[in-house]
C-alpha cells in the first residue's frame, strides 16, 4: 500500500507541469480505448450466448469462456 502512495506522489510531481490540453486529450483517448474494449467484450459475450444456445459449446466451456470475458471487462 505504501508503494502505491509513493508511486502516486511521484507521478503527480512529474505530471504537474502538463497542460490542460494534454489531460483533455489523454482523457479522451482513455475513454475511447475503454469503449473499444467494452464493445469487443459485448460482441464476444453475445457470440458466446449464441454458441451456447445453439449447442456448439457445452455448459462447462460456456462458464469458462464467460469468466475469461468478465475478467477483462468492467461492465460484465
C-alpha atoms as a PDB file:
ATOM      1  CA  UNK A   1       0.000   0.000   0.000  1.00  0.00           C
ATOM      2  CA  UNK A   2       2.812   2.359   0.830  1.00  0.00           C
ATOM      3  CA  UNK A   3       4.331   1.670  -2.587  1.00  0.00           C
ATOM      4  CA  UNK A   4       1.132   2.818  -4.309  1.00  0.00           C
ATOM      5  CA  UNK A   5       1.074   6.025  -2.296  1.00  0.00           C
ATOM      6  CA  UNK A   6       4.708   6.770  -3.114  1.00  0.00           C
ATOM      7  CA  UNK A   7       4.112   5.982  -6.776  1.00  0.00           C
ATOM      8  CA  UNK A   8       1.097   8.295  -6.954  1.00  0.00           C
ATOM      9  CA  UNK A   9       3.018  11.123  -5.278  1.00  0.00           C
ATOM     10  CA  UNK A  10       5.934  10.602  -7.668  1.00  0.00           C
ATOM     11  CA  UNK A  11       3.678  10.592 -10.727  1.00  0.00           C
ATOM     12  CA  UNK A  12       1.809  13.679  -9.576  1.00  0.00           C
ATOM     13  CA  UNK A  13       5.088  15.563  -9.163  1.00  0.00           C
ATOM     14  CA  UNK A  14       6.277  14.512 -12.624  1.00  0.00           C
ATOM     15  CA  UNK A  15       2.993  15.368 -14.350  1.00  0.00           C
ATOM     16  CA  UNK A  16       2.383  18.630 -12.505  1.00  0.00           C
ATOM     17  CA  UNK A  17       3.548  20.739 -15.434  1.00  0.00           C
ATOM     18  CA  UNK A  18       1.302  19.146 -18.058  1.00  0.00           C
ATOM     19  CA  UNK A  19      -1.231  21.485 -19.644  1.00  0.00           C
ATOM     20  CA  UNK A  20      -4.998  21.104 -19.606  1.00  0.00           C
ATOM     21  CA  UNK A  21      -4.928  20.249 -23.297  1.00  0.00           C
ATOM     22  CA  UNK A  22      -2.764  17.247 -22.547  1.00  0.00           C
ATOM     23  CA  UNK A  23      -5.136  15.974 -19.870  1.00  0.00           C
ATOM     24  CA  UNK A  24      -8.145  16.545 -22.121  1.00  0.00           C
ATOM     25  CA  UNK A  25      -6.531  14.535 -24.899  1.00  0.00           C
ATOM     26  CA  UNK A  26      -5.383  11.826 -22.516  1.00  0.00           C
ATOM     27  CA  UNK A  27      -8.855  11.528 -21.014  1.00  0.00           C
ATOM     28  CA  UNK A  28     -10.489  11.310 -24.434  1.00  0.00           C
ATOM     29  CA  UNK A  29      -8.019   8.661 -25.536  1.00  0.00           C
ATOM     30  CA  UNK A  30      -8.533   6.615 -22.390  1.00  0.00           C
ATOM     31  CA  UNK A  31     -12.320   6.738 -22.784  1.00  0.00           C
ATOM     32  CA  UNK A  32     -12.142   5.748 -26.443  1.00  0.00           C
ATOM     33  CA  UNK A  33      -9.825   2.851 -25.681  1.00  0.00           C
ATOM     34  CA  UNK A  34     -12.012   1.655 -22.817  1.00  0.00           C
ATOM     35  CA  UNK A  35     -15.092   1.902 -25.018  1.00  0.00           C
ATOM     36  CA  UNK A  36     -13.384  -0.196 -27.667  1.00  0.00           C
ATOM     37  CA  UNK A  37     -12.526  -2.922 -25.161  1.00  0.00           C
ATOM     38  CA  UNK A  38     -16.085  -2.964 -23.806  1.00  0.00           C
ATOM     39  CA  UNK A  39     -17.574  -3.133 -27.311  1.00  0.00           C
ATOM     40  CA  UNK A  40     -15.370  -6.141 -28.062  1.00  0.00           C
ATOM     41  CA  UNK A  41     -16.338  -7.787 -24.772  1.00  0.00           C
ATOM     42  CA  UNK A  42     -20.010  -7.214 -25.565  1.00  0.00           C
ATOM     43  CA  UNK A  43     -19.658  -8.824 -29.006  1.00  0.00           C
ATOM     44  CA  UNK A  44     -17.797 -11.775 -27.503  1.00  0.00           C
ATOM     45  CA  UNK A  45     -20.468 -12.266 -24.840  1.00  0.00           C
ATOM     46  CA  UNK A  46     -23.270 -12.191 -27.416  1.00  0.00           C
ATOM     47  CA  UNK A  47     -21.440 -14.701 -29.614  1.00  0.00           C
ATOM     48  CA  UNK A  48     -20.797 -16.896 -26.589  1.00  0.00           C
ATOM     49  CA  UNK A  49     -24.512 -16.891 -25.676  1.00  0.00           C
ATOM     50  CA  UNK A  50     -25.451 -17.708 -29.260  1.00  0.00           C
ATOM     51  CA  UNK A  51     -22.956 -20.593 -29.381  1.00  0.00           C
ATOM     52  CA  UNK A  52     -24.281 -21.977 -26.096  1.00  0.00           C
ATOM     53  CA  UNK A  53     -27.931 -21.717 -27.141  1.00  0.00           C
ATOM     54  CA  UNK A  54     -27.245 -23.359 -30.492  1.00  0.00           C
ATOM     55  CA  UNK A  55     -25.404 -26.242 -28.801  1.00  0.00           C
ATOM     56  CA  UNK A  56     -21.969 -25.553 -30.283  1.00  0.00           C
ATOM     57  CA  UNK A  57     -20.430 -25.471 -26.781  1.00  0.00           C
ATOM     58  CA  UNK A  58     -21.376 -27.178 -23.532  1.00  0.00           C
ATOM     59  CA  UNK A  59     -22.115 -25.571 -20.151  1.00  0.00           C
ATOM     60  CA  UNK A  60     -18.551 -26.043 -18.869  1.00  0.00           C
ATOM     61  CA  UNK A  61     -16.998 -24.348 -21.900  1.00  0.00           C
ATOM     62  CA  UNK A  62     -19.597 -21.572 -21.642  1.00  0.00           C
ATOM     63  CA  UNK A  63     -18.765 -20.918 -17.983  1.00  0.00           C
ATOM     64  CA  UNK A  64     -15.006 -20.930 -18.637  1.00  0.00           C
ATOM     65  CA  UNK A  65     -15.187 -18.515 -21.541  1.00  0.00           C
ATOM     66  CA  UNK A  66     -17.691 -16.293 -19.714  1.00  0.00           C
ATOM     67  CA  UNK A  67     -15.297 -15.938 -16.759  1.00  0.00           C
ATOM     68  CA  UNK A  68     -12.492 -15.000 -19.162  1.00  0.00           C
ATOM     69  CA  UNK A  69     -14.615 -12.275 -20.759  1.00  0.00           C
ATOM     70  CA  UNK A  70     -15.786 -10.996 -17.367  1.00  0.00           C
ATOM     71  CA  UNK A  71     -12.215 -10.808 -16.108  1.00  0.00           C
ATOM     72  CA  UNK A  72     -11.237  -8.485 -18.960  1.00  0.00           C
ATOM     73  CA  UNK A  73     -14.305  -6.259 -18.772  1.00  0.00           C
ATOM     74  CA  UNK A  74     -15.585  -3.607 -16.404  1.00  0.00           C
ATOM     75  CA  UNK A  75     -19.252  -3.939 -17.375  1.00  0.00           C
ATOM     76  CA  UNK A  76     -19.631  -7.726 -17.292  1.00  0.00           C
END
